[in-house]
Protein backbone atom coordinates (compact mmCIF):
# COMPACT_ATOMS: atom_id res chain seq x y z
CA UNK A 1 0.00 0.00 0.00
CA UNK A 2 1.48 3.29 -1.07
CA UNK A 3 1.26 6.66 0.61
CA UNK A 4 -0.99 7.99 -2.15
CA UNK A 5 -3.52 5.25 -1.46
CA UNK A 6 -3.51 6.09 2.23
CA UNK A 7 -4.57 9.74 1.68
CA UNK A 8 -6.87 9.03 -1.25
CA UNK A 9 -9.96 8.49 0.88
CA UNK A 10 -9.34 11.43 3.25
CA UNK A 11 -10.99 14.72 2.37
CA UNK A 12 -9.62 18.14 3.21
CA UNK A 13 -12.35 20.07 4.99
CA UNK A 14 -10.22 23.09 5.88
CA UNK A 15 -10.93 26.35 4.10
CA UNK A 16 -8.30 29.02 3.82
CA UNK A 17 -10.00 32.23 5.03
CA UNK A 18 -7.14 34.60 4.33
CA UNK A 19 -8.14 35.29 0.70
CA UNK A 20 -11.75 35.71 1.81
CA UNK A 21 -10.78 38.32 4.42
CA UNK A 22 -8.58 40.09 1.86
CA UNK A 23 -11.47 40.37 -0.57
CA UNK A 24 -13.76 41.72 2.16
CA UNK A 25 -11.22 44.35 3.19
CA UNK A 26 -10.83 45.47 -0.42
CA UNK A 27 -14.62 45.79 -0.70
CA UNK A 28 -14.77 47.86 2.49
CA UNK A 29 -12.05 50.20 1.19
CA UNK A 30 -13.89 50.59 -2.11
CA UNK A 31 -17.10 51.35 -0.22
CA UNK A 32 -15.41 53.96 1.97
CA UNK A 33 -13.81 55.66 -1.02
CA UNK A 34 -16.94 55.79 -3.15
CA UNK A 35 -19.46 56.68 -0.42
CA UNK A 36 -18.67 60.43 -0.35
CA UNK A 37 -19.08 60.52 -4.12
CA UNK A 38 -22.50 58.88 -3.93
CA UNK A 39 -23.87 61.20 -1.24
CA UNK A 40 -24.95 64.37 -2.95
CA UNK A 41 -26.02 67.59 -1.36
CA UNK A 42 -29.21 69.14 -2.56
CA UNK A 43 -28.70 72.71 -3.79
CA UNK A 44 -31.34 74.86 -2.13
CA UNK A 45 -32.20 78.51 -2.33
CA UNK A 46 -33.43 79.04 1.22
CA UNK A 47 -35.96 81.80 1.95
CA UNK A 48 -34.72 84.91 3.65
CA UNK A 49 -36.18 86.62 6.69
CA UNK A 50 -36.04 90.11 8.09
CA UNK A 51 -35.50 88.78 11.61
CA UNK A 52 -32.09 89.23 13.13
CA UNK A 53 -30.13 86.08 13.82
CA UNK A 54 -29.99 86.67 17.59
CA UNK A 55 -33.80 86.72 17.81
CA UNK A 56 -33.99 83.23 16.34
CA UNK A 57 -31.36 81.50 18.47
CA UNK A 58 -32.43 80.32 21.89
CA UNK A 59 -29.91 81.04 24.62
CA UNK A 60 -29.59 79.77 28.17
CA UNK A 61 -30.31 82.13 31.05
CA UNK A 62 -27.78 82.12 33.89
CA UNK A 63 -28.98 82.62 37.45
CA UNK A 64 -26.18 83.22 39.93
CA UNK A 65 -26.63 82.90 43.67
CA UNK A 66 -23.86 84.40 45.79
CA UNK A 67 -23.02 83.68 49.42
CA UNK A 68 -25.02 86.75 50.57
CA UNK A 69 -28.19 85.30 49.06
CA UNK A 70 -28.37 87.78 46.18
CA UNK A 71 -29.70 86.62 42.83
CA UNK A 72 -28.25 87.65 39.49
CA UNK A 73 -29.75 87.07 36.05
CA UNK A 74 -27.10 87.12 33.33
CA UNK A 75 -24.87 89.26 35.54
CA UNK A 76 -27.50 91.78 36.70
CA UNK A 77 -28.78 91.80 40.28
CA UNK A 78 -32.55 91.24 40.72
CA UNK A 79 -34.97 89.92 43.30
CA UNK A 80 -36.06 86.33 42.66
CA UNK A 81 -39.60 87.39 41.68
CA UNK A 82 -38.25 89.77 39.04
CA UNK A 83 -35.97 87.03 37.68
CA UNK A 84 -38.95 84.69 37.38
CA UNK A 85 -40.92 87.41 35.56
CA UNK A 86 -38.06 88.03 33.12
CA UNK A 87 -37.62 84.31 32.51
CA UNK A 88 -41.34 83.99 31.77
CA UNK A 89 -41.07 86.80 29.22
CA UNK A 90 -38.11 85.08 27.55
CA UNK A 91 -39.91 81.74 27.54
CA UNK A 92 -43.09 83.25 26.09
CA UNK A 93 -41.03 84.87 23.32
CA UNK A 94 -39.45 81.45 22.66
CA UNK A 95 -35.94 82.78 23.32
CA UNK A 96 -35.12 80.65 26.36
CA UNK A 97 -33.30 77.38 25.85
CA UNK A 98 -32.70 76.46 29.48
CA UNK A 99 -31.92 77.92 32.89
CA UNK A 100 -28.43 77.37 34.31
CA UNK A 101 -27.83 77.89 38.02
CA UNK A 102 -24.45 79.09 39.21
CA UNK A 103 -23.99 78.98 42.96
CA UNK A 104 -21.09 79.72 45.26
CA UNK A 105 -19.84 76.46 46.71
CA UNK A 106 -20.17 77.89 50.22
CA UNK A 107 -23.95 78.16 49.77
CA UNK A 108 -26.01 75.57 51.54
CA UNK A 109 -27.58 72.75 49.59
CA UNK A 110 -31.00 73.98 50.68
CA UNK A 111 -30.67 77.37 48.99
CA UNK A 112 -29.89 75.77 45.65
CA UNK A 113 -32.70 73.23 46.03
CA UNK A 114 -35.14 76.05 46.90
CA UNK A 115 -34.15 77.87 43.71
CA UNK A 116 -34.53 74.71 41.63
CA UNK A 117 -37.94 73.95 43.13
CA UNK A 118 -39.07 77.54 42.52
CA UNK A 119 -38.08 77.21 38.86
CA UNK A 120 -39.76 73.82 38.55
CA UNK A 121 -42.96 75.20 40.13
CA UNK A 122 -42.92 77.91 37.45
CA UNK A 123 -42.77 75.14 34.79
CA UNK A 124 -39.15 75.61 33.76
CA UNK A 125 -38.30 72.04 32.81
CA UNK A 126 -34.72 72.46 31.62
CA UNK A 127 -32.71 73.51 34.66
CA UNK A 128 -29.00 72.78 34.94
CA UNK A 129 -26.15 73.41 37.35
CA UNK A 130 -22.91 75.09 36.35
CA UNK A 131 -19.63 73.72 37.73
CA UNK A 132 -15.95 74.19 37.10
CA UNK A 133 -13.33 71.54 36.57
CA UNK A 134 -11.43 70.50 39.69
CA UNK A 135 -7.77 71.47 39.52
CA UNK A 136 -5.38 68.63 40.17
């Protein structure tokens, strides 16, 4: 019995995947190169408006609370009731994105929570807290 007869009945079931992976990688590269060419932008002539750009963009309002208990809206000192009134005017004019609270770290937790609850009771849903990065 020769060696050729010994291996004649055995079948090779192994598949070499290296050429398959190479072909897939080439297809991915072709896809990535041609994709920006396929995506086309639509040329549009957008309508113009007489409104100024700053009246369209919504901006956050910043409420600062210092250690003395004074309230500031965007840098100007006001009583809390006046701040709420001004925020309502901004919200009604659709110029208010959100309210950001800035508080001195020496303030008690309760003062900040009272301010947040006052804003929530006035239906200001987007209220955030401003912090600074801790220095290492």
